[in-house]
Amino acid sequence: MPTATPRELALDRVFAALANHERRTMLRQLRRGPVETPVIAASFDFSKQALSRHLAVLEEAGLIDRTARGRMHSVSLAPRPLDDVSAWISELRRGWQSSLERLDRVLQGSS
């Protein structure tokens, strides 16, 4: 099996982070701008430790930036990894589209 490239490893982290409903919900909360962690926590029924773990996964994937002001943490969306995912999906789509166009040409030629 070939070794994963740094880009592929980064995509793995992003997809793993996005695989969880609560983390996707957290990202939706951040669309409007930075949010303090107690505000995020109020939306979920889990412990501070669980919230911290979810935020760590998002941060490791590069999907959020966390800023500390004293004991208060503010979290903001970091969209760059989502741009990378979108680019990856676009690459796949171009391949699918090309294959479908070739199939269409073959089918039209056999009619």
PDB file of N, CA and C in Angstrom:
ATOM      1  N   MET A   1       0.858  -1.190   0.000  1.00  0.00           N
ATOM      2  CA  MET A   1       0.000   0.000   0.000  1.00  0.00           C
ATOM      3  C   MET A   1       0.895   1.242   0.000  1.00  0.00           C
ATOM      4  N   PRO A   2       0.617   2.206  -0.883  1.00  0.00           N
ATOM      5  CA  PRO A   2       1.449   3.399  -0.957  1.00  0.00           C
ATOM      6  C   PRO A   2       1.329   4.242   0.313  1.00  0.00           C
ATOM      7  N   THR A   3       2.391   4.959   0.616  1.00  0.00           N
ATOM      8  CA  THR A   3       2.402   5.847   1.775  1.00  0.00           C
ATOM      9  C   THR A   3       1.549   7.078   1.471  1.00  0.00           C
ATOM     10  N   ALA A   4       0.756   7.477   2.454  1.00  0.00           N
ATOM     11  CA  ALA A   4      -0.106   8.649   2.283  1.00  0.00           C
ATOM     12  C   ALA A   4       0.737   9.922   2.235  1.00  0.00           C
ATOM     13  N   THR A   5       0.351  10.828   1.375  1.00  0.00           N
ATOM     14  CA  THR A   5       1.021  12.117   1.283  1.00  0.00           C
ATOM     15  C   THR A   5       0.552  13.012   2.433  1.00  0.00           C
ATOM     16  N   PRO A   6       1.294  14.077   2.724  1.00  0.00           N
ATOM     17  CA  PRO A   6       0.823  15.012   3.758  1.00  0.00           C
ATOM     18  C   PRO A   6      -0.579  15.546   3.473  1.00  0.00           C
ATOM     19  N   ARG A   7      -0.880  15.811   2.190  1.00  0.00           N
ATOM     20  CA  ARG A   7      -2.226  16.284   1.834  1.00  0.00           C
ATOM     21  C   ARG A   7      -3.277  15.232   2.173  1.00  0.00           C
ATOM     22  N   GLU A   8      -2.981  13.967   1.852  1.00  0.00           N
ATOM     23  CA  GLU A   8      -3.931  12.890   2.153  1.00  0.00           C
ATOM     24  C   GLU A   8      -4.115  12.714   3.655  1.00  0.00           C
ATOM     25  N   LEU A   9      -3.044  12.840   4.419  1.00  0.00           N
ATOM     26  CA  LEU A   9      -3.154  12.734   5.880  1.00  0.00           C
ATOM     27  C   LEU A   9      -3.997  13.877   6.442  1.00  0.00           C
ATOM     28  N   ALA A  10      -3.820  15.074   5.886  1.00  0.00           N
ATOM     29  CA  ALA A  10      -4.633  16.212   6.324  1.00  0.00           C
ATOM     30  C   ALA A  10      -6.101  15.980   5.998  1.00  0.00           C
ATOM     31  N   LEU A  11      -6.378  15.451   4.800  1.00  0.00           N
ATOM     32  CA  LEU A  11      -7.765  15.135   4.435  1.00  0.00           C
ATOM     33  C   LEU A  11      -8.343  14.073   5.359  1.00  0.00           C
ATOM     34  N   ASP A  12      -7.534  13.081   5.731  1.00  0.00           N
ATOM     35  CA  ASP A  12      -7.995  12.051   6.669  1.00  0.00           C
ATOM     36  C   ASP A  12      -8.448  12.681   7.983  1.00  0.00           C
ATOM     37  N   ARG A  13      -7.654  13.632   8.498  1.00  0.00           N
ATOM     38  CA  ARG A  13      -8.008  14.285   9.763  1.00  0.00           C
ATOM     39  C   ARG A  13      -9.298  15.083   9.620  1.00  0.00           C
ATOM     40  N   VAL A  14      -9.454  15.770   8.488  1.00  0.00           N
ATOM     41  CA  VAL A  14     -10.665  16.577   8.278  1.00  0.00           C
ATOM     42  C   VAL A  14     -11.884  15.668   8.167  1.00  0.00           C
ATOM     43  N   PHE A  15     -11.788  14.610   7.356  1.00  0.00           N
ATOM     44  CA  PHE A  15     -12.932  13.709   7.217  1.00  0.00           C
ATOM     45  C   PHE A  15     -13.276  13.026   8.537  1.00  0.00           C
ATOM     46  N   ALA A  16     -12.268  12.663   9.319  1.00  0.00           N
ATOM     47  CA  ALA A  16     -12.519  12.051  10.634  1.00  0.00           C
ATOM     48  C   ALA A  16     -13.238  13.043  11.548  1.00  0.00           C
ATOM     49  N   ALA A  17     -12.823  14.298  11.509  1.00  0.00           N
ATOM     50  CA  ALA A  17     -13.477  15.322  12.332  1.00  0.00           C
ATOM     51  C   ALA A  17     -14.915  15.542  11.882  1.00  0.00           C
ATOM     52  N   LEU A  18     -15.135  15.549  10.573  1.00  0.00           N
ATOM     53  CA  LEU A  18     -16.475  15.790  10.039  1.00  0.00           C
ATOM     54  C   LEU A  18     -17.399  14.582  10.168  1.00  0.00           C
ATOM     55  N   ALA A  19     -16.850  13.437  10.510  1.00  0.00           N
ATOM     56  CA  ALA A  19     -17.652  12.217  10.616  1.00  0.00           C
ATOM     57  C   ALA A  19     -18.561  12.218  11.840  1.00  0.00           C
ATOM     58  N   ASN A  20     -18.412  13.210  12.707  1.00  0.00           N
ATOM     59  CA  ASN A  20     -19.187  13.254  13.941  1.00  0.00           C
ATOM     60  C   ASN A  20     -20.232  14.372  13.868  1.00  0.00           C
ATOM     61  N   HIS A  21     -21.480  14.028  14.154  1.00  0.00           N
ATOM     62  CA  HIS A  21     -22.589  14.989  14.080  1.00  0.00           C
ATOM     63  C   HIS A  21     -22.373  16.196  14.992  1.00  0.00           C
ATOM     64  N   GLU A  22     -21.932  15.975  16.233  1.00  0.00           N
ATOM     65  CA  GLU A  22     -21.747  17.088  17.158  1.00  0.00           C
ATOM     66  C   GLU A  22     -20.681  18.062  16.651  1.00  0.00           C
ATOM     67  N   ARG A  23     -19.603  17.530  16.098  1.00  0.00           N
ATOM     68  CA  ARG A  23     -18.557  18.412  15.588  1.00  0.00           C
ATOM     69  C   ARG A  23     -19.047  19.215  14.381  1.00  0.00           C
ATOM     70  N   ARG A  24     -19.845  18.573  13.518  1.00  0.00           N
ATOM     71  CA  ARG A  24     -20.421  19.326  12.384  1.00  0.00           C
ATOM     72  C   ARG A  24     -21.339  20.428  12.894  1.00  0.00           C
ATOM     73  N   THR A  25     -22.103  20.139  13.949  1.00  0.00           N
ATOM     74  CA  THR A  25     -22.978  21.145  14.545  1.00  0.00           C
ATOM     75  C   THR A  25     -22.159  22.301  15.116  1.00  0.00           C
ATOM     76  N   MET A  26     -21.040  21.979  15.753  1.00  0.00           N
ATOM     77  CA  MET A  26     -20.160  23.027  16.286  1.00  0.00           C
ATOM     78  C   MET A  26     -19.660  23.925  15.158  1.00  0.00           C
ATOM     79  N   LEU A  27     -19.261  23.322  14.054  1.00  0.00           N
ATOM     80  CA  LEU A  27     -18.783  24.123  12.925  1.00  0.00           C
ATOM     81  C   LEU A  27     -19.884  25.024  12.383  1.00  0.00           C
ATOM     82  N   ARG A  28     -21.124  24.514  12.339  1.00  0.00           N
ATOM     83  CA  ARG A  28     -22.242  25.355  11.891  1.00  0.00           C
ATOM     84  C   ARG A  28     -22.421  26.550  12.821  1.00  0.00           C
ATOM     85  N   GLN A  29     -22.216  26.341  14.125  1.00  0.00           N
ATOM     86  CA  GLN A  29     -22.331  27.446  15.085  1.00  0.00           C
ATOM     87  C   GLN A  29     -21.295  28.531  14.803  1.00  0.00           C
ATOM     88  N   LEU A  30     -20.163  28.136  14.275  1.00  0.00           N
ATOM     89  CA  LEU A  30     -19.056  29.071  14.082  1.00  0.00           C
ATOM     90  C   LEU A  30     -19.138  29.829  12.756  1.00  0.00           C
ATOM     91  N   ARG A  31     -20.113  29.515  11.921  1.00  0.00           N
ATOM     92  CA  ARG A  31     -20.246  30.195  10.629  1.00  0.00           C
ATOM     93  C   ARG A  31     -20.417  31.699  10.789  1.00  0.00           C
ATOM     94  N   ARG A  32     -21.066  32.113  11.855  1.00  0.00           N
ATOM     95  CA  ARG A  32     -21.379  33.535  12.038  1.00  0.00           C
ATOM     96  C   ARG A  32     -20.246  34.310  12.685  1.00  0.00           C
ATOM     97  N   GLY A  33     -19.214  33.595  13.160  1.00  0.00           N
ATOM     98  CA  GLY A  33     -18.089  34.266  13.800  1.00  0.00           C
ATOM     99  C   GLY A  33     -17.653  33.534  15.057  1.00  0.00           C
ATOM    100  N   PRO A  34     -16.634  34.070  15.736  1.00  0.00           N
ATOM    101  CA  PRO A  34     -16.098  33.410  16.935  1.00  0.00           C
ATOM    102  C   PRO A  34     -17.154  33.238  18.024  1.00  0.00           C
ATOM    103  N   VAL A  35     -17.024  32.126  18.750  1.00  0.00           N
ATOM    104  CA  VAL A  35     -17.946  31.811  19.843  1.00  0.00           C
ATOM    105  C   VAL A  35     -17.116  31.359  21.038  1.00  0.00           C
ATOM    106  N   GLU A  36     -17.513  31.791  22.226  1.00  0.00           N
ATOM    107  CA  GLU A  36     -16.814  31.356  23.428  1.00  0.00           C
ATOM    108  C   GLU A  36     -17.254  29.939  23.784  1.00  0.00           C
ATOM    109  N   THR A  37     -16.336  29.174  24.355  1.00  0.00           N
ATOM    110  CA  THR A  37     -16.614  27.759  24.619  1.00  0.00           C
ATOM    111  C   THR A  37     -17.846  27.522  25.494  1.00  0.00           C
ATOM    112  N   PRO A  38     -18.161  28.378  26.501  1.00  0.00           N
ATOM    113  CA  PRO A  38     -19.397  28.113  27.259  1.00  0.00           C
ATOM    114  C   PRO A  38     -20.656  28.183  26.398  1.00  0.00           C
ATOM    115  N   VAL A  39     -20.630  29.022  25.374  1.00  0.00           N
ATOM    116  CA  VAL A  39     -21.780  29.131  24.462  1.00  0.00           C
ATOM    117  C   VAL A  39     -21.904  27.837  23.654  1.00  0.00           C
ATOM    118  N   ILE A  40     -20.770  27.322  23.200  1.00  0.00           N
ATOM    119  CA  ILE A  40     -20.798  26.048  22.477  1.00  0.00           C
ATOM    120  C   ILE A  40     -21.289  24.947  23.398  1.00  0.00           C
ATOM    121  N   ALA A  41     -20.763  24.903  24.609  1.00  0.00           N
ATOM    122  CA  ALA A  41     -21.116  23.853  25.571  1.00  0.00           C
ATOM    123  C   ALA A  41     -22.609  23.850  25.873  1.00  0.00           C
ATOM    124  N   ALA A  42     -23.226  25.024  25.896  1.00  0.00           N
ATOM    125  CA  ALA A  42     -24.654  25.117  26.220  1.00  0.00           C
ATOM    126  C   ALA A  42     -25.524  24.407  25.194  1.00  0.00           C
ATOM    127  N   SER A  43     -24.995  24.186  23.995  1.00  0.00           N
ATOM    128  CA  SER A  43     -25.774  23.534  22.941  1.00  0.00           C
ATOM    129  C   SER A  43     -25.745  22.016  23.022  1.00  0.00           C
ATOM    130  N   PHE A  44     -24.908  21.477  23.913  1.00  0.00           N
ATOM    131  CA  PHE A  44     -24.707  20.031  23.961  1.00  0.00           C
ATOM    132  C   PHE A  44     -24.866  19.512  25.373  1.00  0.00           C
ATOM    133  N   ASP A  45     -25.213  18.246  25.456  1.00  0.00           N
ATOM    134  CA  ASP A  45     -25.393  17.603  26.754  1.00  0.00           C
ATOM    135  C   ASP A  45     -24.231  16.639  27.002  1.00  0.00           C
ATOM    136  N   PHE A  46     -23.023  17.204  27.098  1.00  0.00           N
ATOM    137  CA  PHE A  46     -21.904  16.376  27.493  1.00  0.00           C
ATOM    138  C   PHE A  46     -20.932  17.177  28.351  1.00  0.00           C
ATOM    139  N   SER A  47     -19.992  16.486  28.960  1.00  0.00           N
ATOM    140  CA  SER A  47     -19.087  17.089  29.932  1.00  0.00           C
ATOM    141  C   SER A  47     -18.115  18.072  29.289  1.00  0.00           C
ATOM    142  N   LYS A  48     -17.464  18.859  30.147  1.00  0.00           N
ATOM    143  CA  LYS A  48     -16.436  19.779  29.664  1.00  0.00           C
ATOM    144  C   LYS A  48     -15.296  19.006  29.014  1.00  0.00           C
ATOM    145  N   GLN A  49     -14.996  17.848  29.568  1.00  0.00           N
ATOM    146  CA  GLN A  49     -13.924  17.016  29.001  1.00  0.00           C
ATOM    147  C   GLN A  49     -14.296  16.550  27.587  1.00  0.00           C
ATOM    148  N   ALA A  50     -15.545  16.149  27.404  1.00  0.00           N
ATOM    149  CA  ALA A  50     -15.990  15.714  26.077  1.00  0.00           C
ATOM    150  C   ALA A  50     -15.938  16.879  25.094  1.00  0.00           C
ATOM    151  N   LEU A  51     -16.377  18.059  25.542  1.00  0.00           N
ATOM    152  CA  LEU A  51     -16.309  19.246  24.692  1.00  0.00           C
ATOM    153  C   LEU A  51     -14.857  19.523  24.310  1.00  0.00           C
ATOM    154  N   SER A  52     -13.977  19.438  25.277  1.00  0.00           N
ATOM    155  CA  SER A  52     -12.562  19.680  25.024  1.00  0.00           C
ATOM    156  C   SER A  52     -12.003  18.696  24.003  1.00  0.00           C
ATOM    157  N   ARG A  53     -12.395  17.433  24.109  1.00  0.00           N
ATOM    158  CA  ARG A  53     -11.928  16.423  23.145  1.00  0.00           C
ATOM    159  C   ARG A  53     -12.449  16.718  21.737  1.00  0.00           C
ATOM    160  N   HIS A  54     -13.717  17.089  21.638  1.00  0.00           N
ATOM    161  CA  HIS A  54     -14.280  17.429  20.321  1.00  0.00           C
ATOM    162  C   HIS A  54     -13.555  18.635  19.721  1.00  0.00           C
ATOM    163  N   LEU A  55     -13.320  19.651  20.535  1.00  0.00           N
ATOM    164  CA  LEU A  55     -12.615  20.830  20.039  1.00  0.00           C
ATOM    165  C   LEU A  55     -11.179  20.487  19.639  1.00  0.00           C
ATOM    166  N   ALA A  56     -10.546  19.586  20.381  1.00  0.00           N
ATOM    167  CA  ALA A  56      -9.176  19.173  20.048  1.00  0.00           C
ATOM    168  C   ALA A  56      -9.137  18.472  18.683  1.00  0.00           C
ATOM    169  N   VAL A  57     -10.137  17.646  18.407  1.00  0.00           N
ATOM    170  CA  VAL A  57     -10.203  16.961  17.102  1.00  0.00           C
ATOM    171  C   VAL A  57     -10.368  17.988  15.983  1.00  0.00           C
ATOM    172  N   LEU A  58     -11.248  18.956  16.185  1.00  0.00           N
ATOM    173  CA  LEU A  58     -11.452  20.002  15.176  1.00  0.00           C
ATOM    174  C   LEU A  58     -10.195  20.849  14.993  1.00  0.00           C
ATOM    175  N   GLU A  59      -9.530  21.130  16.094  1.00  0.00           N
ATOM    176  CA  GLU A  59      -8.302  21.926  16.031  1.00  0.00           C
ATOM    177  C   GLU A  59      -7.183  21.150  15.333  1.00  0.00           C
ATOM    178  N   GLU A  60      -7.051  19.870  15.652  1.00  0.00           N
ATOM    179  CA  GLU A  60      -6.029  19.018  15.017  1.00  0.00           C
ATOM    180  C   GLU A  60      -6.256  18.937  13.512  1.00  0.00           C
ATOM    181  N   ALA A  61      -7.510  18.952  13.095  1.00  0.00           N
ATOM    182  CA  ALA A  61      -7.837  18.908  11.666  1.00  0.00           C
ATOM    183  C   ALA A  61      -7.670  20.276  11.012  1.00  0.00           C
ATOM    184  N   GLY A  62      -7.399  21.296  11.813  1.00  0.00           N
ATOM    185  CA  GLY A  62      -7.225  22.642  11.275  1.00  0.00           C
ATOM    186  C   GLY A  62      -8.523  23.359  10.974  1.00  0.00           C
ATOM    187  N   LEU A  63      -9.644  22.812  11.471  1.00  0.00           N
ATOM    188  CA  LEU A  63     -10.955  23.381  11.165  1.00  0.00           C
ATOM    189  C   LEU A  63     -11.349  24.538  12.063  1.00  0.00           C
ATOM    190  N   ILE A  64     -10.667  24.664  13.208  1.00  0.00           N
ATOM    191  CA  ILE A  64     -10.955  25.776  14.109  1.00  0.00           C
ATOM    192  C   ILE A  64      -9.647  26.388  14.598  1.00  0.00           C
ATOM    193  N   ASP A  65      -9.757  27.630  15.017  1.00  0.00           N
ATOM    194  CA  ASP A  65      -8.692  28.325  15.735  1.00  0.00           C
ATOM    195  C   ASP A  65      -9.235  28.635  17.121  1.00  0.00           C
ATOM    196  N   ARG A  66      -8.392  28.418  18.123  1.00  0.00           N
ATOM    197  CA  ARG A  66      -8.813  28.679  19.497  1.00  0.00           C
ATOM    198  C   ARG A  66      -7.926  29.776  20.071  1.00  0.00           C
ATOM    199  N   THR A  67      -8.564  30.785  20.667  1.00  0.00           N
ATOM    200  CA  THR A  67      -7.849  31.898  21.270  1.00  0.00           C
ATOM    201  C   THR A  67      -8.203  31.957  22.748  1.00  0.00           C
ATOM    202  N   ALA A  68      -7.182  32.033  23.596  1.00  0.00           N
ATOM    203  CA  ALA A  68      -7.405  32.115  25.037  1.00  0.00           C
ATOM    204  C   ALA A  68      -7.205  33.552  25.499  1.00  0.00           C
ATOM    205  N   ARG A  69      -8.174  34.030  26.264  1.00  0.00           N
ATOM    206  CA  ARG A  69      -8.070  35.321  26.944  1.00  0.00           C
ATOM    207  C   ARG A  69      -8.325  35.034  28.412  1.00  0.00           C
ATOM    208  N   GLY A  70      -7.226  34.879  29.153  1.00  0.00           N
ATOM    209  CA  GLY A  70      -7.366  34.449  30.536  1.00  0.00           C
ATOM    210  C   GLY A  70      -7.882  33.020  30.539  1.00  0.00           C
ATOM    211  N   ARG A  71      -8.947  32.790  31.293  1.00  0.00           N
ATOM    212  CA  ARG A  71      -9.529  31.446  31.362  1.00  0.00           C
ATOM    213  C   ARG A  71     -10.583  31.212  30.285  1.00  0.00           C
ATOM    214  N   MET A  72     -10.938  32.268  29.577  1.00  0.00           N
ATOM    215  CA  MET A  72     -11.976  32.164  28.553  1.00  0.00           C
ATOM    216  C   MET A  72     -11.343  31.823  27.211  1.00  0.00           C
ATOM    217  N   HIS A  73     -11.945  30.857  26.521  1.00  0.00           N
ATOM    218  CA  HIS A  73     -11.482  30.464  25.195  1.00  0.00           C
ATOM    219  C   HIS A  73     -12.545  30.834  24.173  1.00  0.00           C
ATOM    220  N   SER A  74     -12.074  31.411  23.088  1.00  0.00           N
ATOM    221  CA  SER A  74     -12.936  31.744  21.961  1.00  0.00           C
ATOM    222  C   SER A  74     -12.518  30.851  20.800  1.00  0.00           C
ATOM    223  N   VAL A  75     -13.506  30.355  20.076  1.00  0.00           N
ATOM    224  CA  VAL A  75     -13.246  29.434  18.976  1.00  0.00           C
ATOM    225  C   VAL A  75     -13.802  30.058  17.696  1.00  0.00           C
ATOM    226  N   SER A  76     -13.025  29.964  16.630  1.00  0.00           N
ATOM    227  CA  SER A  76     -13.489  30.481  15.336  1.00  0.00           C
ATOM    228  C   SER A  76     -13.236  29.446  14.248  1.00  0.00           C
ATOM    229  N   LEU A  77     -14.025  29.540  13.209  1.00  0.00           N
ATOM    230  CA  LEU A  77     -13.924  28.632  12.072  1.00  0.00           C
ATOM    231  C   LEU A  77     -12.675  28.954  11.267  1.00  0.00           C
ATOM    232  N   ALA A  78     -11.952  27.922  10.869  1.00  0.00           N
ATOM    233  CA  ALA A  78     -10.796  28.052   9.982  1.00  0.00           C
ATOM    234  C   ALA A  78     -11.145  27.295   8.704  1.00  0.00           C
ATOM    235  N   PRO A  79     -11.647  27.978   7.691  1.00  0.00           N
ATOM    236  CA  PRO A  79     -12.222  27.292   6.531  1.00  0.00           C
ATOM    237  C   PRO A  79     -11.222  26.676   5.555  1.00  0.00           C
ATOM    238  N   ARG A  80      -9.945  26.941   5.689  1.00  0.00           N
ATOM    239  CA  ARG A  80      -8.966  26.446   4.706  1.00  0.00           C
ATOM    240  C   ARG A  80      -9.074  24.940   4.467  1.00  0.00           C
ATOM    241  N   PRO A  81      -9.141  24.098   5.514  1.00  0.00           N
ATOM    242  CA  PRO A  81      -9.262  22.660   5.253  1.00  0.00           C
ATOM    243  C   PRO A  81     -10.528  22.292   4.475  1.00  0.00           C
ATOM    244  N   LEU A  82     -11.601  23.065   4.662  1.00  0.00           N
ATOM    245  CA  LEU A  82     -12.826  22.794   3.900  1.00  0.00           C
ATOM    246  C   LEU A  82     -12.623  23.124   2.429  1.00  0.00           C
ATOM    247  N   ASP A  83     -11.804  24.142   2.150  1.00  0.00           N
ATOM    248  CA  ASP A  83     -11.452  24.447   0.757  1.00  0.00           C
ATOM    249  C   ASP A  83     -10.683  23.282   0.150  1.00  0.00           C
ATOM    250  N   ASP A  84      -9.783  22.684   0.947  1.00  0.00           N
ATOM    251  CA  ASP A  84      -9.013  21.532   0.468  1.00  0.00           C
ATOM    252  C   ASP A  84      -9.930  20.340   0.174  1.00  0.00           C
ATOM    253  N   VAL A  85     -10.917  20.118   1.037  1.00  0.00           N
ATOM    254  CA  VAL A  85     -11.883  19.034   0.816  1.00  0.00           C
ATOM    255  C   VAL A  85     -12.692  19.318  -0.445  1.00  0.00           C
ATOM    256  N   SER A  86     -13.117  20.553  -0.600  1.00  0.00           N
ATOM    257  CA  SER A  86     -13.886  20.925  -1.784  1.00  0.00           C
ATOM    258  C   SER A  86     -13.065  20.707  -3.063  1.00  0.00           C
ATOM    259  N   ALA A  87     -11.789  21.056  -3.018  1.00  0.00           N
ATOM    260  CA  ALA A  87     -10.913  20.850  -4.175  1.00  0.00           C
ATOM    261  C   ALA A  87     -10.763  19.361  -4.475  1.00  0.00           C
ATOM    262  N   TRP A  88     -10.628  18.553  -3.434  1.00  0.00           N
ATOM    263  CA  TRP A  88     -10.490  17.099  -3.605  1.00  0.00           C
ATOM    264  C   TRP A  88     -11.752  16.522  -4.241  1.00  0.00           C
ATOM    265  N   ILE A  89     -12.911  16.958  -3.760  1.00  0.00           N
ATOM    266  CA  ILE A  89     -14.185  16.483  -4.311  1.00  0.00           C
ATOM    267  C   ILE A  89     -14.329  16.932  -5.768  1.00  0.00           C
ATOM    268  N   SER A  90     -13.896  18.153  -6.061  1.00  0.00           N
ATOM    269  CA  SER A  90     -13.948  18.643  -7.445  1.00  0.00           C
ATOM    270  C   SER A  90     -13.088  17.792  -8.370  1.00  0.00           C
ATOM    271  N   GLU A  91     -11.908  17.365  -7.885  1.00  0.00           N
ATOM    272  CA  GLU A  91     -11.050  16.481  -8.674  1.00  0.00           C
ATOM    273  C   GLU A  91     -11.782  15.169  -8.994  1.00  0.00           C
ATOM    274  N   LEU A  92     -12.435  14.606  -7.975  1.00  0.00           N
ATOM    275  CA  LEU A  92     -13.197  13.370  -8.191  1.00  0.00           C
ATOM    276  C   LEU A  92     -14.331  13.593  -9.190  1.00  0.00           C
ATOM    277  N   ARG A  93     -15.015  14.696  -9.015  1.00  0.00           N
ATOM    278  CA  ARG A  93     -16.155  15.004  -9.885  1.00  0.00           C
ATOM    279  C   ARG A  93     -15.707  15.130 -11.335  1.00  0.00           C
ATOM    280  N   ARG A  94     -14.546  15.778 -11.560  1.00  0.00           N
ATOM    281  CA  ARG A  94     -14.039  15.904 -12.928  1.00  0.00           C
ATOM    282  C   ARG A  94     -13.765  14.522 -13.517  1.00  0.00           C
ATOM    283  N   GLY A  95     -13.210  13.621 -12.712  1.00  0.00           N
ATOM    284  CA  GLY A  95     -12.964  12.256 -13.182  1.00  0.00           C
ATOM    285  C   GLY A  95     -14.253  11.535 -13.502  1.00  0.00           C
ATOM    286  N   TRP A  96     -15.248  11.674 -12.629  1.00  0.00           N
ATOM    287  CA  TRP A  96     -16.550  11.035 -12.876  1.00  0.00           C
ATOM    288  C   TRP A  96     -17.166  11.607 -14.138  1.00  0.00           C
ATOM    289  N   GLN A  97     -17.118  12.929 -14.267  1.00  0.00           N
ATOM    290  CA  GLN A  97     -17.725  13.582 -15.421  1.00  0.00           C
ATOM    291  C   GLN A  97     -17.063  13.109 -16.704  1.00  0.00           C
ATOM    292  N   SER A  98     -15.748  13.009 -16.684  1.00  0.00           N
ATOM    293  CA  SER A  98     -15.011  12.543 -17.858  1.00  0.00           C
ATOM    294  C   SER A  98     -15.423  11.116 -18.221  1.00  0.00           C
ATOM    295  N   SER A  99     -15.533  10.264 -17.198  1.00  0.00           N
ATOM    296  CA  SER A  99     -15.949   8.873 -17.451  1.00  0.00           C
ATOM    297  C   SER A  99     -17.355   8.813 -18.011  1.00  0.00           C
ATOM    298  N   LEU A 100     -18.251   9.619 -17.481  1.00  0.00           N
ATOM    299  CA  LEU A 100     -19.629   9.630 -17.965  1.00  0.00           C
ATOM    300  C   LEU A 100     -19.701  10.146 -19.401  1.00  0.00           C
ATOM    301  N   GLU A 101     -18.878  11.140 -19.713  1.00  0.00           N
ATOM    302  CA  GLU A 101     -18.874  11.657 -21.079  1.00  0.00           C
ATOM    303  C   GLU A 101     -18.352  10.604 -22.050  1.00  0.00           C
ATOM    304  N   ARG A 102     -17.307   9.845 -21.655  1.00  0.00           N
ATOM    305  CA  ARG A 102     -16.796   8.774 -22.522  1.00  0.00           C
ATOM    306  C   ARG A 102     -17.867   7.706 -22.715  1.00  0.00           C
ATOM    307  N   LEU A 103     -18.561   7.330 -21.632  1.00  0.00           N
ATOM    308  CA  LEU A 103     -19.623   6.336 -21.717  1.00  0.00           C
ATOM    309  C   LEU A 103     -20.734   6.824 -22.642  1.00  0.00           C
ATOM    310  N   ASP A 104     -21.089   8.097 -22.514  1.00  0.00           N
ATOM    311  CA  ASP A 104     -22.130   8.657 -23.374  1.00  0.00           C
ATOM    312  C   ASP A 104     -21.720   8.580 -24.843  1.00  0.00           C
ATOM    313  N   ARG A 105     -20.451   8.908 -25.141  1.00  0.00           N
ATOM    314  CA  ARG A 105     -19.968   8.822 -26.523  1.00  0.00           C
ATOM    315  C   ARG A 105     -20.017   7.394 -27.034  1.00  0.00           C
ATOM    316  N   VAL A 106     -19.640   6.433 -26.183  1.00  0.00           N
ATOM    317  CA  VAL A 106     -19.687   5.029 -26.582  1.00  0.00           C
ATOM    318  C   VAL A 106     -21.127   4.609 -26.859  1.00  0.00           C
ATOM    319  N   LEU A 107     -22.030   4.987 -25.982  1.00  0.00           N
ATOM    320  CA  LEU A 107     -23.441   4.615 -26.146  1.00  0.00           C
ATOM    321  C   LEU A 107     -24.057   5.280 -27.367  1.00  0.00           C
ATOM    322  N   GLN A 108     -23.700   6.521 -27.615  1.00  0.00           N
ATOM    323  CA  GLN A 108     -24.234   7.193 -28.808  1.00  0.00           C
ATOM    324  C   GLN A 108     -23.672   6.569 -30.087  1.00  0.00           C
ATOM    325  N   GLY A 109     -22.431   6.098 -30.025  1.00  0.00           N
ATOM    326  CA  GLY A 109     -21.826   5.480 -31.192  1.00  0.00           C
ATOM    327  C   GLY A 109     -22.400   4.121 -31.503  1.00  0.00           C
ATOM    328  N   SER A 110     -22.960   3.449 -30.491  1.00  0.00           N
ATOM    329  CA  SER A 110     -23.513   2.111 -30.717  1.00  0.00           C
ATOM    330  C   SER A 110     -24.996   2.147 -31.067  1.00  0.00           C
ATOM    331  N   SER A 111     -25.578   3.330 -31.098  1.00  0.00           N
ATOM    332  CA  SER A 111     -27.009   3.444 -31.413  1.00  0.00           C
ATOM    333  C   SER A 111     -27.242   3.428 -32.893  1.00  0.00           C
TER     334      SER A 111
END
